């Protein structure tokens, strides 16, 4: 892993920990690293931007903190894996946020 990859990983993990703290549920380094790694794995078969990676990790964090049904988390993971590019991933995440707001 090069320096820029390590910096990105650290930045995303720190953001996850900051979000978790704001939600009143602190997140340790290990849990943040697992969310980052899972996000990388979900996106591994497509080319993606750092923001997309961060948004997937953030969505996984929110699902984890809200203790959503296992089926819903499985659905999200499978949807991300079916996306052909990062634009489709972004659209998926946007559609989830619109649905949640209704």
N, C-alpha and C. Protein backbone atom coordinates (compact mmCIF):
# COMPACT_ATOMS: atom_id res chain seq x y z
N UNK A 1 0.85 -1.17 0.00
CA UNK A 1 0.00 0.00 0.00
C UNK A 1 0.90 1.24 0.00
N UNK A 2 0.63 2.21 -0.88
CA UNK A 2 1.47 3.39 -0.94
C UNK A 2 0.99 4.45 0.06
N UNK A 3 1.77 5.52 0.17
CA UNK A 3 1.47 6.56 1.16
C UNK A 3 0.10 7.20 0.95
N UNK A 4 -0.27 7.44 -0.31
CA UNK A 4 -1.57 8.07 -0.56
C UNK A 4 -2.72 7.12 -0.19
N UNK A 5 -2.54 5.82 -0.41
CA UNK A 5 -3.57 4.86 -0.01
C UNK A 5 -3.70 4.80 1.51
N UNK A 6 -2.57 4.84 2.20
CA UNK A 6 -2.60 4.84 3.66
C UNK A 6 -3.24 6.11 4.20
N UNK A 7 -2.94 7.23 3.56
CA UNK A 7 -3.53 8.51 3.99
C UNK A 7 -5.04 8.49 3.77
N UNK A 8 -5.47 7.95 2.64
CA UNK A 8 -6.90 7.84 2.36
C UNK A 8 -7.57 6.94 3.39
N UNK A 9 -6.97 5.79 3.65
CA UNK A 9 -7.55 4.87 4.64
C UNK A 9 -7.66 5.56 6.00
N UNK A 10 -6.61 6.23 6.42
CA UNK A 10 -6.63 6.91 7.72
C UNK A 10 -7.71 7.99 7.74
N UNK A 11 -7.81 8.75 6.67
CA UNK A 11 -8.80 9.83 6.59
C UNK A 11 -10.23 9.30 6.68
N UNK A 12 -10.51 8.24 5.94
CA UNK A 12 -11.86 7.66 5.95
C UNK A 12 -12.16 7.05 7.31
N UNK A 13 -11.21 6.33 7.87
CA UNK A 13 -11.44 5.73 9.19
C UNK A 13 -11.65 6.81 10.25
N UNK A 14 -10.91 7.90 10.17
CA UNK A 14 -11.08 8.99 11.13
C UNK A 14 -12.46 9.63 10.97
N UNK A 15 -12.90 9.79 9.72
CA UNK A 15 -14.23 10.34 9.46
C UNK A 15 -15.32 9.44 10.04
N UNK A 16 -15.15 8.13 9.87
CA UNK A 16 -16.11 7.18 10.43
C UNK A 16 -16.17 7.31 11.95
N UNK A 17 -15.01 7.45 12.57
CA UNK A 17 -14.98 7.58 14.02
C UNK A 17 -15.62 8.91 14.47
N UNK A 18 -15.40 9.97 13.70
CA UNK A 18 -16.02 11.26 14.02
C UNK A 18 -17.54 11.19 13.90
N UNK A 19 -18.03 10.57 12.84
CA UNK A 19 -19.48 10.42 12.64
C UNK A 19 -20.08 9.60 13.77
N UNK A 20 -19.43 8.50 14.11
CA UNK A 20 -19.92 7.63 15.19
C UNK A 20 -19.98 8.39 16.51
N UNK A 21 -18.96 9.19 16.78
CA UNK A 21 -18.93 9.97 18.02
C UNK A 21 -20.07 10.98 18.03
N UNK A 22 -20.33 11.60 16.88
CA UNK A 22 -21.44 12.56 16.78
C UNK A 22 -22.78 11.88 17.00
N UNK A 23 -22.86 10.61 16.65
CA UNK A 23 -24.10 9.85 16.84
C UNK A 23 -24.18 9.27 18.25
N UNK A 24 -23.15 9.56 19.07
CA UNK A 24 -23.16 9.10 20.45
C UNK A 24 -22.76 7.66 20.64
N UNK A 25 -22.13 7.07 19.62
CA UNK A 25 -21.71 5.67 19.67
C UNK A 25 -20.27 5.57 19.18
N UNK A 26 -19.30 5.85 20.06
CA UNK A 26 -17.90 5.83 19.63
C UNK A 26 -17.51 4.54 18.93
N UNK A 27 -16.60 4.67 17.99
CA UNK A 27 -16.15 3.56 17.17
C UNK A 27 -14.64 3.43 17.36
N UNK A 28 -14.18 2.23 17.71
CA UNK A 28 -12.73 2.05 17.92
C UNK A 28 -12.01 1.89 16.58
N UNK A 29 -10.69 1.95 16.64
CA UNK A 29 -9.86 1.86 15.43
C UNK A 29 -10.11 0.57 14.66
N UNK A 30 -10.25 -0.54 15.37
CA UNK A 30 -10.46 -1.83 14.72
C UNK A 30 -11.77 -1.89 13.96
N UNK A 31 -12.83 -1.38 14.55
CA UNK A 31 -14.14 -1.39 13.89
C UNK A 31 -14.13 -0.47 12.67
N UNK A 32 -13.46 0.67 12.78
CA UNK A 32 -13.36 1.59 11.64
C UNK A 32 -12.56 0.93 10.51
N UNK A 33 -11.50 0.21 10.86
CA UNK A 33 -10.68 -0.49 9.86
C UNK A 33 -11.50 -1.57 9.16
N UNK A 34 -12.34 -2.27 9.91
CA UNK A 34 -13.18 -3.32 9.31
C UNK A 34 -14.18 -2.72 8.32
N UNK A 35 -14.79 -1.60 8.67
CA UNK A 35 -15.73 -0.94 7.77
C UNK A 35 -15.02 -0.49 6.50
N UNK A 36 -13.82 0.07 6.66
CA UNK A 36 -13.04 0.50 5.50
C UNK A 36 -12.72 -0.70 4.60
N UNK A 37 -12.26 -1.78 5.21
CA UNK A 37 -11.89 -2.97 4.44
C UNK A 37 -13.10 -3.57 3.72
N UNK A 38 -14.23 -3.63 4.41
CA UNK A 38 -15.43 -4.17 3.77
C UNK A 38 -15.84 -3.31 2.58
N UNK A 39 -15.73 -2.00 2.73
CA UNK A 39 -16.07 -1.09 1.64
C UNK A 39 -15.16 -1.32 0.44
N UNK A 40 -13.87 -1.48 0.70
CA UNK A 40 -12.91 -1.77 -0.38
C UNK A 40 -13.27 -3.07 -1.09
N UNK A 41 -13.63 -4.06 -0.32
CA UNK A 41 -13.99 -5.36 -0.91
C UNK A 41 -15.25 -5.26 -1.75
N UNK A 42 -16.25 -4.51 -1.27
CA UNK A 42 -17.49 -4.36 -2.02
C UNK A 42 -17.25 -3.67 -3.36
N UNK A 43 -16.28 -2.76 -3.40
CA UNK A 43 -16.00 -1.99 -4.60
C UNK A 43 -14.84 -2.55 -5.42
N UNK A 44 -14.30 -3.66 -5.02
CA UNK A 44 -13.06 -4.17 -5.60
C UNK A 44 -13.11 -4.47 -7.10
N UNK A 45 -14.27 -4.72 -7.64
CA UNK A 45 -14.33 -5.10 -9.04
C UNK A 45 -14.60 -3.94 -9.99
N UNK A 46 -14.70 -2.71 -9.43
CA UNK A 46 -14.91 -1.54 -10.27
C UNK A 46 -13.86 -0.47 -9.93
N UNK A 47 -13.72 0.48 -10.82
CA UNK A 47 -12.87 1.64 -10.57
C UNK A 47 -13.74 2.66 -9.84
N UNK A 48 -13.23 3.22 -8.75
CA UNK A 48 -14.05 4.13 -7.95
C UNK A 48 -13.23 5.30 -7.42
N UNK A 49 -13.94 6.36 -7.12
CA UNK A 49 -13.33 7.55 -6.53
C UNK A 49 -13.27 7.39 -5.01
N UNK A 50 -12.40 8.13 -4.38
CA UNK A 50 -12.26 8.10 -2.92
C UNK A 50 -13.57 8.47 -2.24
N UNK A 51 -14.31 9.43 -2.81
CA UNK A 51 -15.58 9.84 -2.21
C UNK A 51 -16.58 8.69 -2.21
N UNK A 52 -16.61 7.92 -3.27
CA UNK A 52 -17.51 6.76 -3.33
C UNK A 52 -17.16 5.76 -2.24
N UNK A 53 -15.88 5.49 -2.07
CA UNK A 53 -15.44 4.58 -1.02
C UNK A 53 -15.88 5.10 0.35
N UNK A 54 -15.69 6.38 0.58
CA UNK A 54 -16.08 6.98 1.86
C UNK A 54 -17.59 6.90 2.07
N UNK A 55 -18.35 7.11 1.01
CA UNK A 55 -19.81 7.06 1.15
C UNK A 55 -20.31 5.64 1.42
N UNK A 56 -19.69 4.65 0.80
CA UNK A 56 -20.07 3.26 1.07
C UNK A 56 -19.75 2.94 2.53
N UNK A 57 -18.56 3.32 2.99
CA UNK A 57 -18.17 3.08 4.38
C UNK A 57 -19.12 3.79 5.34
N UNK A 58 -19.49 5.01 5.02
CA UNK A 58 -20.42 5.76 5.86
C UNK A 58 -21.80 5.12 5.91
N UNK A 59 -22.25 4.61 4.78
CA UNK A 59 -23.55 3.94 4.74
C UNK A 59 -23.51 2.66 5.58
N UNK A 60 -22.43 1.90 5.46
CA UNK A 60 -22.29 0.71 6.29
C UNK A 60 -22.28 1.08 7.78
N UNK A 61 -21.61 2.17 8.10
CA UNK A 61 -21.57 2.63 9.50
C UNK A 61 -22.97 2.94 10.01
N UNK A 62 -23.72 3.69 9.23
CA UNK A 62 -25.08 4.06 9.64
C UNK A 62 -25.95 2.82 9.79
N UNK A 63 -25.85 1.89 8.85
CA UNK A 63 -26.60 0.64 8.98
C UNK A 63 -26.23 -0.09 10.27
N UNK A 64 -24.94 -0.12 10.56
CA UNK A 64 -24.47 -0.79 11.77
C UNK A 64 -24.99 -0.09 13.03
N UNK A 65 -24.93 1.23 13.04
CA UNK A 65 -25.33 1.98 14.23
C UNK A 65 -26.84 1.96 14.43
N UNK A 66 -27.59 1.88 13.35
CA UNK A 66 -29.04 1.84 13.46
C UNK A 66 -29.54 0.42 13.67
N UNK A 67 -28.61 -0.53 13.67
CA UNK A 67 -28.95 -1.94 13.88
C UNK A 67 -30.10 -2.38 12.95
N UNK A 68 -29.90 -2.13 11.65
CA UNK A 68 -30.91 -2.52 10.67
C UNK A 68 -30.98 -4.04 10.56
N UNK A 69 -32.05 -4.49 9.98
CA UNK A 69 -32.24 -5.92 9.77
C UNK A 69 -31.10 -6.48 8.92
N UNK A 70 -30.69 -7.69 9.20
CA UNK A 70 -29.62 -8.34 8.46
C UNK A 70 -29.93 -8.40 6.97
N UNK A 71 -31.20 -8.60 6.63
CA UNK A 71 -31.60 -8.69 5.22
C UNK A 71 -31.35 -7.37 4.50
N UNK A 72 -31.58 -6.26 5.19
CA UNK A 72 -31.39 -4.95 4.57
C UNK A 72 -29.90 -4.71 4.30
N UNK A 73 -29.06 -5.10 5.22
CA UNK A 73 -27.62 -4.95 5.05
C UNK A 73 -27.13 -5.87 3.92
N UNK A 74 -27.64 -7.09 3.88
CA UNK A 74 -27.29 -8.02 2.80
C UNK A 74 -27.73 -7.45 1.46
N UNK A 75 -28.92 -6.84 1.42
CA UNK A 75 -29.43 -6.23 0.20
C UNK A 75 -28.49 -5.13 -0.26
N UNK A 76 -28.08 -4.24 0.65
CA UNK A 76 -27.20 -3.14 0.28
C UNK A 76 -25.88 -3.67 -0.28
N UNK A 77 -25.31 -4.64 0.40
CA UNK A 77 -24.04 -5.21 -0.07
C UNK A 77 -24.19 -5.80 -1.48
N UNK A 78 -25.27 -6.53 -1.69
CA UNK A 78 -25.46 -7.15 -3.01
C UNK A 78 -25.70 -6.09 -4.09
N UNK A 79 -26.41 -5.03 -3.74
CA UNK A 79 -26.66 -3.96 -4.71
C UNK A 79 -25.35 -3.27 -5.11
N UNK A 80 -24.49 -3.00 -4.12
CA UNK A 80 -23.20 -2.38 -4.42
C UNK A 80 -22.39 -3.28 -5.34
N UNK A 81 -22.39 -4.57 -5.07
CA UNK A 81 -21.60 -5.50 -5.87
C UNK A 81 -22.15 -5.65 -7.30
N UNK A 82 -23.41 -5.32 -7.50
CA UNK A 82 -24.01 -5.41 -8.83
C UNK A 82 -23.78 -4.15 -9.67
N UNK A 83 -23.33 -3.07 -9.04
CA UNK A 83 -23.11 -1.82 -9.75
C UNK A 83 -21.95 -1.97 -10.72
N UNK A 84 -22.11 -1.40 -11.91
CA UNK A 84 -21.10 -1.52 -12.96
C UNK A 84 -20.00 -0.47 -12.83
N UNK A 85 -20.28 0.62 -12.11
CA UNK A 85 -19.28 1.68 -11.95
C UNK A 85 -19.61 2.50 -10.70
N UNK A 86 -18.74 3.46 -10.40
CA UNK A 86 -18.96 4.23 -9.18
C UNK A 86 -20.15 5.17 -9.28
N UNK A 87 -20.52 5.57 -10.50
CA UNK A 87 -21.71 6.40 -10.66
C UNK A 87 -22.96 5.64 -10.22
N UNK A 88 -23.05 4.37 -10.55
CA UNK A 88 -24.20 3.56 -10.12
C UNK A 88 -24.21 3.40 -8.60
N UNK A 89 -23.02 3.28 -8.01
CA UNK A 89 -22.95 3.18 -6.55
C UNK A 89 -23.46 4.47 -5.92
N UNK A 90 -23.04 5.60 -6.47
CA UNK A 90 -23.50 6.90 -5.97
C UNK A 90 -25.02 7.03 -6.09
N UNK A 91 -25.56 6.60 -7.23
CA UNK A 91 -27.01 6.65 -7.44
C UNK A 91 -27.73 5.76 -6.43
N UNK A 92 -27.17 4.59 -6.16
CA UNK A 92 -27.75 3.68 -5.17
C UNK A 92 -27.81 4.35 -3.81
N UNK A 93 -26.71 4.94 -3.39
CA UNK A 93 -26.66 5.58 -2.07
C UNK A 93 -27.62 6.75 -2.01
N UNK A 94 -27.69 7.54 -3.08
CA UNK A 94 -28.64 8.65 -3.12
C UNK A 94 -30.08 8.15 -3.02
N UNK A 95 -30.39 7.05 -3.70
CA UNK A 95 -31.75 6.53 -3.66
C UNK A 95 -32.11 6.03 -2.26
N UNK A 96 -31.15 5.49 -1.55
CA UNK A 96 -31.39 5.04 -0.17
C UNK A 96 -31.71 6.23 0.72
N UNK A 97 -30.93 7.29 0.56
CA UNK A 97 -31.15 8.49 1.39
C UNK A 97 -32.50 9.13 1.08
N UNK A 98 -32.92 9.13 -0.19
CA UNK A 98 -34.23 9.68 -0.53
C UNK A 98 -35.33 8.85 0.09
N UNK A 99 -35.19 7.53 0.06
CA UNK A 99 -36.19 6.64 0.62
C UNK A 99 -36.28 6.83 2.12
N UNK A 100 -35.13 6.95 2.80
CA UNK A 100 -35.11 7.13 4.24
C UNK A 100 -35.78 8.42 4.67
N UNK A 101 -35.74 9.44 3.80
CA UNK A 101 -36.30 10.73 4.15
C UNK A 101 -37.82 10.74 4.04
N UNK A 102 -38.38 9.78 3.32
CA UNK A 102 -39.84 9.75 3.11
C UNK A 102 -40.59 9.34 4.35
